[in-house]
């Protein structure tokens, strides 16, 4: 049985296999337990293996590549259009095969174990920040039920807790719960500060991160996040990188008429959000008394709202980041600097 490609729909326990020959005819339709996958592919001659880029796919990509097979990870959004009605595991595997058969299909590069380990701290910090925001919002919501309202922001939590503790109209049981919520928020703050120290140390030890930090609007956190998360070799150009981040307009062109909408918001939300926040910091200080902003930025702020200008500036910053990482260059002051 000559196999051209095997597509795998992974799951927690059972994997569905869809194999085709050189004429893309189905010649293998099989199911394997998780423990049987490595043994099955060990007995096969090297073949192209396609998987959906989801949880665990990088692990299986490393395992199968180590057995001599050529692994391709297909983004889920490109697999979904090929799923037929009556969805099941075998139809999902067939959809992965159909997507992998397209000559221009985009792929996700298999990450090494070290690359995945390096980004865990970033994802863990993001989770803790989200939990802290959720806890603070819950605290403010419960406080409002007793008529106590405070300003937004993590810096206002201590003042809010002090008011709640001294408020005569708040029952003792509620005060005890408010104290517990405050302790929970304080514990999250401590964990986030500890991770920030680790990231600061990683930034100082990483030459790429130190170079990126010279870009206006790119601080140590953004720099180390980009250095750990982005492989510039995966992108053809700075515009390709900006499009991957979702900082380029969505296109709805037809009939020879070009129509561009808002940004696509594709890619990793964390990276895009960091760049936009950094761009807002540049715009906030783009005043004559705090330095001379570029003519491009000054003109853009005169024509467009600040947040629209921030997205445009984030796009430019992303292109500069890609150019510096791809070419190994230091930052040269450019028109986007403020």
Protein backbone atom coordinates (compact mmCIF):
# COMPACT_ATOMS: atom_id res chain seq x y z
CA UNK A 1 0.00 0.00 0.00
CA UNK A 2 1.71 3.17 -1.25
CA UNK A 3 0.76 6.14 0.87
CA UNK A 4 1.17 9.73 -0.22
CA UNK A 5 -0.20 11.42 2.90
CA UNK A 6 -1.79 10.48 6.21
CA UNK A 7 -4.03 13.01 7.93
CA UNK A 8 -4.75 12.63 11.64
CA UNK A 9 -7.64 13.98 13.66
CA UNK A 10 -6.27 13.99 17.20
CA UNK A 11 -8.26 13.75 20.43
CA UNK A 12 -7.69 12.82 24.05
CA UNK A 13 -7.77 9.04 23.54
CA UNK A 14 -8.66 7.98 19.95
CA UNK A 15 -6.98 9.26 16.78
CA UNK A 16 -8.68 8.97 13.37
CA UNK A 17 -6.37 8.33 10.38
CA UNK A 18 -7.15 9.19 6.77
CA UNK A 19 -4.54 7.99 4.24
CA UNK A 20 -4.47 8.66 0.50
CA UNK A 21 -2.34 7.40 -2.39
CA UNK A 22 -0.64 9.36 -5.17
CA UNK A 23 -4.02 9.91 -6.90
CA UNK A 24 -5.51 11.23 -3.62
CA UNK A 25 -7.72 8.15 -3.34
CA UNK A 26 -8.64 6.90 0.13
CA UNK A 27 -6.58 3.79 0.95
CA UNK A 28 -6.42 3.98 4.74
CA UNK A 29 -9.24 4.62 7.20
CA UNK A 30 -8.22 3.60 10.68
CA UNK A 31 -8.45 4.48 14.36
CA UNK A 32 -5.63 4.27 16.90
CA UNK A 33 -5.43 4.64 20.63
CA UNK A 34 -3.01 7.30 21.82
CA UNK A 35 -0.54 4.65 23.01
CA UNK A 36 -0.56 2.99 19.56
CA UNK A 37 0.31 6.03 17.44
CA UNK A 38 4.09 5.99 17.83
CA UNK A 39 4.30 2.24 17.19
CA UNK A 40 2.11 2.48 14.08
CA UNK A 41 4.23 5.21 12.47
CA UNK A 42 7.47 3.49 13.46
CA UNK A 43 6.56 0.62 11.11
CA UNK A 44 5.76 2.95 8.18
CA UNK A 45 8.20 4.24 5.63
CA UNK A 46 8.58 8.05 5.79
CA UNK A 47 5.38 9.74 4.64
CA UNK A 48 3.77 13.16 4.77
CA UNK A 49 1.62 13.55 7.90
CA UNK A 50 -0.93 16.35 8.24
CA UNK A 51 -2.47 17.45 11.54
CA UNK A 52 -4.63 20.32 12.65
CA UNK A 53 -2.62 22.89 14.64
CA UNK A 54 -4.39 22.47 17.97
CA UNK A 55 -3.57 21.37 21.51
CA UNK A 56 -0.89 18.67 21.48
CA UNK A 57 -0.13 19.03 17.77
CA UNK A 58 3.39 20.33 18.34
CA UNK A 59 4.15 17.35 20.58
CA UNK A 60 2.99 14.89 17.93
CA UNK A 61 4.81 16.91 15.29
CA UNK A 62 8.07 16.43 17.19
CA UNK A 63 7.38 12.73 17.77
CA UNK A 64 6.52 11.98 14.14
CA UNK A 65 9.36 14.12 12.81
CA UNK A 66 11.71 12.14 15.00
CA UNK A 67 10.47 8.97 13.27
CA UNK A 68 11.45 10.39 9.88
CA UNK A 69 8.05 11.62 8.69
CA UNK A 70 7.37 15.06 7.18
CA UNK A 71 4.85 16.79 9.44
CA UNK A 72 2.55 19.60 8.34
CA UNK A 73 0.39 21.54 10.82
CA UNK A 74 -2.64 23.19 9.20
CA UNK A 75 -4.34 26.13 10.99
CA UNK A 76 -7.86 25.18 12.19
CA UNK A 77 -9.51 28.12 10.41
CA UNK A 78 -8.25 26.74 7.09
CA UNK A 79 -9.48 23.22 7.83
CA UNK A 80 -13.02 24.17 8.85
CA UNK A 81 -14.28 25.05 5.33
CA UNK A 82 -13.56 21.48 4.20
CA UNK A 83 -15.62 19.75 6.93
CA UNK A 84 -18.69 18.10 5.47
CA UNK A 85 -22.10 17.68 7.06
CA UNK A 86 -22.55 15.03 9.72
CA UNK A 87 -19.30 15.88 11.48
CA UNK A 88 -17.32 13.02 13.01
CA UNK A 89 -13.66 12.16 13.58
CA UNK A 90 -13.14 10.53 10.18
CA UNK A 91 -14.75 13.47 8.35
CA UNK A 92 -12.52 15.81 10.33
CA UNK A 93 -9.48 13.79 9.23
CA UNK A 94 -10.72 13.93 5.62
CA UNK A 95 -11.09 17.71 5.94
CA UNK A 96 -7.49 17.97 7.17
CA UNK A 97 -6.41 15.92 4.15
CA UNK A 98 -8.38 18.13 1.77
CA UNK A 99 -6.80 21.25 3.25
CA UNK A 100 -3.30 19.73 3.14
CA UNK A 101 -3.76 18.80 -0.55
CA UNK A 102 -3.98 22.48 -1.55
CA UNK A 103 -0.59 23.60 -2.95
CA UNK A 104 -0.85 27.11 -1.46
CA UNK A 105 -2.08 26.06 1.99
CA UNK A 106 -0.41 27.89 4.87
CA UNK A 107 1.26 25.87 7.60
CA UNK A 108 2.31 26.29 11.22
CA UNK A 109 5.95 25.55 11.98
CA UNK A 110 6.41 22.78 14.55
CA UNK A 111 7.82 24.31 17.74
CA UNK A 112 10.56 22.69 19.74
CA UNK A 113 10.03 21.78 23.39
CA UNK A 114 12.33 24.64 24.44
CA UNK A 115 10.34 27.17 22.39
CA UNK A 116 7.09 26.05 23.97
CA UNK A 117 8.63 26.11 27.44
CA UNK A 118 9.91 29.67 26.92
CA UNK A 119 6.43 31.01 26.14
CA UNK A 120 4.73 29.32 29.10
CA UNK A 121 5.70 32.16 31.43
CA UNK A 122 4.02 34.66 29.10
CA UNK A 123 0.80 32.65 28.92
CA UNK A 124 0.80 32.05 32.67
CA UNK A 125 1.22 35.77 33.33
CA UNK A 126 -1.62 36.57 30.95
CA UNK A 127 -3.84 34.11 32.80
CA UNK A 128 -3.00 35.65 36.18
CA UNK A 129 -3.64 39.18 34.89
CA UNK A 130 -7.02 38.03 33.58
CA UNK A 131 -7.86 36.42 36.93
CA UNK A 132 -6.88 39.62 38.76
CA UNK A 133 -9.10 41.70 36.49
CA UNK A 134 -11.96 39.29 37.06
CA UNK A 135 -11.47 39.41 40.83
CA UNK A 136 -11.32 43.22 40.92
CA UNK A 137 -14.47 43.50 38.81
CA UNK A 138 -16.24 41.08 41.16
CA UNK A 139 -15.09 43.12 44.17
CA UNK A 140 -16.34 46.35 42.62
CA UNK A 141 -19.64 44.73 41.70
CA UNK A 142 -20.27 43.41 45.21
CA UNK A 143 -19.26 46.76 46.70
CA UNK A 144 -21.75 48.56 44.48
CA UNK A 145 -24.51 46.39 45.96
CA UNK A 146 -23.83 48.16 49.27
CA UNK A 147 -23.65 51.61 47.70
CA UNK A 148 -19.85 51.84 47.67
CA UNK A 149 -18.37 52.92 44.34
CA UNK A 150 -14.67 53.50 43.63
CA UNK A 151 -12.57 54.54 40.66
CA UNK A 152 -11.31 51.91 38.25
CA UNK A 153 -7.82 50.47 38.28
CA UNK A 154 -5.73 48.11 40.38
CA UNK A 155 -4.25 51.06 42.28
CA UNK A 156 -7.72 51.87 43.69
CA UNK A 157 -8.35 48.44 45.21
CA UNK A 158 -6.66 49.20 48.55
CA UNK A 159 -8.71 52.39 49.00
CA UNK A 160 -11.92 50.51 48.13
CA UNK A 161 -11.15 47.77 50.67
CA UNK A 162 -10.44 50.38 53.35
CA UNK A 163 -13.80 52.08 52.71
CA UNK A 164 -15.64 48.74 52.82
CA UNK A 165 -13.96 47.78 56.09
CA UNK A 166 -15.02 51.06 57.76
CA UNK A 167 -18.50 51.34 56.22
CA UNK A 168 -21.12 50.99 58.94
CA UNK A 169 -23.84 49.84 56.54
CA UNK A 170 -21.89 46.77 55.37
CA UNK A 171 -22.72 43.60 57.38
CA UNK A 172 -19.93 41.75 59.16
CA UNK A 173 -20.33 38.68 56.94
CA UNK A 174 -19.88 40.85 53.83
CA UNK A 175 -16.82 42.56 55.34
CA UNK A 176 -15.23 39.14 55.93
CA UNK A 177 -15.81 38.18 52.30
CA UNK A 178 -14.45 41.52 51.08
CA UNK A 179 -11.30 40.92 53.14
CA UNK A 180 -10.95 37.44 51.61
CA UNK A 181 -11.36 38.88 48.11
CA UNK A 182 -8.74 41.51 48.89
CA UNK A 183 -6.32 38.82 50.05
CA UNK A 184 -6.95 36.89 46.84
CA UNK A 185 -6.20 39.97 44.73
CA UNK A 186 -3.06 40.67 46.76
CA UNK A 187 -1.86 37.09 46.20
CA UNK A 188 -2.37 37.48 42.46
CA UNK A 189 -0.45 40.77 42.56
CA UNK A 190 2.45 39.02 44.28
CA UNK A 191 2.54 36.25 41.67
CA UNK A 192 2.41 38.74 38.78
CA UNK A 193 5.24 40.79 40.28
CA UNK A 194 7.35 37.63 40.63
CA UNK A 195 6.76 36.74 36.98
CA UNK A 196 7.58 40.30 35.95
CA UNK A 197 10.95 39.95 37.70
CA UNK A 198 11.64 36.73 35.80
CA UNK A 199 10.71 38.40 32.51
CA UNK A 200 12.92 41.40 33.32
CA UNK A 201 15.84 39.06 33.96
CA UNK A 202 15.12 37.21 30.71
CA UNK A 203 15.00 40.55 28.87
CA UNK A 204 18.43 41.55 30.16
CA UNK A 205 19.89 38.19 29.14
CA UNK A 206 18.39 38.18 25.63
CA UNK A 207 20.28 40.30 23.04
CA UNK A 208 17.32 40.35 20.63
CA UNK A 209 15.00 41.62 23.35
CA UNK A 210 17.46 44.35 24.33
CA UNK A 211 17.68 45.53 20.71
CA UNK A 212 13.90 45.62 20.32
CA UNK A 213 13.50 47.69 23.50
CA UNK A 214 15.18 50.61 21.72
CA UNK A 215 12.09 51.07 19.52
CA UNK A 216 9.78 53.86 20.78
CA UNK A 217 6.67 52.22 22.17
CA UNK A 218 8.41 48.89 22.84
CA UNK A 219 9.24 48.33 26.50
CA UNK A 220 10.96 45.34 28.14
CA UNK A 221 7.71 43.34 28.39
CA UNK A 222 6.84 43.78 24.70
CA UNK A 223 10.45 43.15 23.68
CA UNK A 224 10.85 39.86 25.57
CA UNK A 225 7.38 38.73 24.48
CA UNK A 226 8.30 39.25 20.83
CA UNK A 227 11.72 37.64 21.27
CA UNK A 228 10.22 34.51 22.85
CA UNK A 229 7.07 34.23 20.71
CA UNK A 230 8.08 35.23 17.17
CA UNK A 231 10.23 33.40 14.66
CA UNK A 232 10.88 35.96 11.88
CA UNK A 233 11.78 33.22 9.41
CA UNK A 234 8.10 32.23 9.28
CA UNK A 235 7.16 35.53 7.62
CA UNK A 236 8.00 36.76 4.14
CA UNK A 237 8.04 40.44 5.07
CA UNK A 238 7.15 42.97 7.72
CA UNK A 239 3.73 43.41 6.16
CA UNK A 240 3.15 39.66 6.35
CA UNK A 241 4.04 39.80 10.06
CA UNK A 242 1.69 42.76 10.65
CA UNK A 243 -1.10 40.91 8.81
CA UNK A 244 -0.48 37.81 10.97
CA UNK A 245 -0.91 40.02 14.05
CA UNK A 246 -4.25 41.27 12.70
CA UNK A 247 -3.09 44.87 12.28
CA UNK A 248 -3.95 45.17 8.59
CA UNK A 249 -7.40 45.96 7.12
CA UNK A 250 -9.85 43.24 6.14
CA UNK A 251 -10.48 43.25 2.42
CA UNK A 252 -13.95 42.96 0.86
CA UNK A 253 -13.06 43.69 -2.76
CA UNK A 254 -15.11 42.57 -5.74
CA UNK A 255 -15.79 43.60 -9.32
CA UNK A 256 -12.49 45.44 -9.57
CA UNK A 257 -13.41 47.71 -6.65
CA UNK A 258 -11.14 47.59 -3.65
CA UNK A 259 -12.92 47.82 -0.30
CA UNK A 260 -10.94 47.83 2.93
CA UNK A 261 -12.56 47.58 6.35
CA UNK A 262 -11.33 47.54 9.92
CA UNK A 263 -8.35 45.51 11.08
CA UNK A 264 -8.75 41.74 10.84
CA UNK A 265 -7.82 41.02 14.50
CA UNK A 266 -6.28 37.74 13.36
CA UNK A 267 -3.34 36.08 15.06
CA UNK A 268 -2.40 36.28 18.72
CA UNK A 269 -4.49 38.77 20.68
CA UNK A 270 -1.77 39.20 23.31
CA UNK A 271 0.85 40.43 20.83
CA UNK A 272 -1.53 42.76 19.03
CA UNK A 273 -2.78 44.26 22.29
CA UNK A 274 0.76 44.90 23.54
CA UNK A 275 1.73 46.71 20.35
CA UNK A 276 -1.39 48.90 20.41
CA UNK A 277 -0.77 49.79 24.06
CA UNK A 278 2.83 50.68 23.22
CA UNK A 279 1.67 52.82 20.31
CA UNK A 280 -0.77 54.65 22.60
CA UNK A 281 2.14 55.44 24.93
CA UNK A 282 4.03 57.00 22.01
CA UNK A 283 0.99 59.05 20.99
CA UNK A 284 0.41 60.18 24.57
CA UNK A 285 3.89 61.74 24.63
CA UNK A 286 3.85 63.01 21.03
CA UNK A 287 3.69 66.66 22.02
CA UNK A 288 6.05 69.53 21.22
CA UNK A 289 7.03 69.91 24.90
CA UNK A 290 7.99 66.22 25.14
CA UNK A 291 9.94 65.77 21.94
CA UNK A 292 9.31 66.25 18.26
CA UNK A 293 6.84 63.73 16.79
CA UNK A 294 7.32 62.61 13.21
CA UNK A 295 5.53 64.47 10.44
CA UNK A 296 3.73 61.25 9.53
CA UNK A 297 2.38 60.78 13.05
CA UNK A 298 1.48 64.46 13.43
CA UNK A 299 -0.46 64.42 10.18
CA UNK A 300 -2.19 61.17 11.06
CA UNK A 301 -3.31 62.51 14.46
CA UNK A 302 -4.69 65.58 12.73
CA UNK A 303 -6.82 63.44 10.39
CA UNK A 304 -7.79 60.42 12.47
CA UNK A 305 -8.85 59.63 16.05
CA UNK A 306 -6.09 58.68 18.47
CA UNK A 307 -7.00 55.00 18.64
CA UNK A 308 -7.06 54.67 14.86
CA UNK A 309 -3.65 56.33 14.76
CA UNK A 310 -2.46 53.92 17.46
CA UNK A 311 -3.36 50.92 15.32
CA UNK A 312 -1.56 52.42 12.32
CA UNK A 313 1.50 53.12 14.47
CA UNK A 314 1.35 49.59 15.92
CA UNK A 315 1.42 48.30 12.34
CA UNK A 316 4.60 50.26 11.65
CA UNK A 317 6.18 49.13 14.91
CA UNK A 318 5.43 45.51 14.00
CA UNK A 319 7.21 45.93 10.66
CA UNK A 320 10.23 47.46 12.38
CA UNK A 321 10.32 44.57 14.86
CA UNK A 322 10.28 42.02 12.04
CA UNK A 323 13.03 43.83 10.12
CA UNK A 324 15.27 44.01 13.18
CA UNK A 325 14.72 40.36 14.11
CA UNK A 326 15.05 39.04 10.55
CA UNK A 327 18.21 41.00 9.73
CA UNK A 328 19.81 41.15 13.17
CA UNK A 329 20.06 44.93 12.99
CA UNK A 330 20.00 47.55 15.74
CA UNK A 331 17.26 50.15 15.81
CA UNK A 332 17.79 53.23 13.66
CA UNK A 333 15.67 56.25 14.47
CA UNK A 334 12.93 56.41 11.86
CA UNK A 335 9.97 58.70 11.09
CA UNK A 336 7.66 56.70 13.39
CA UNK A 337 9.67 57.65 16.46
CA UNK A 338 8.24 60.27 18.79
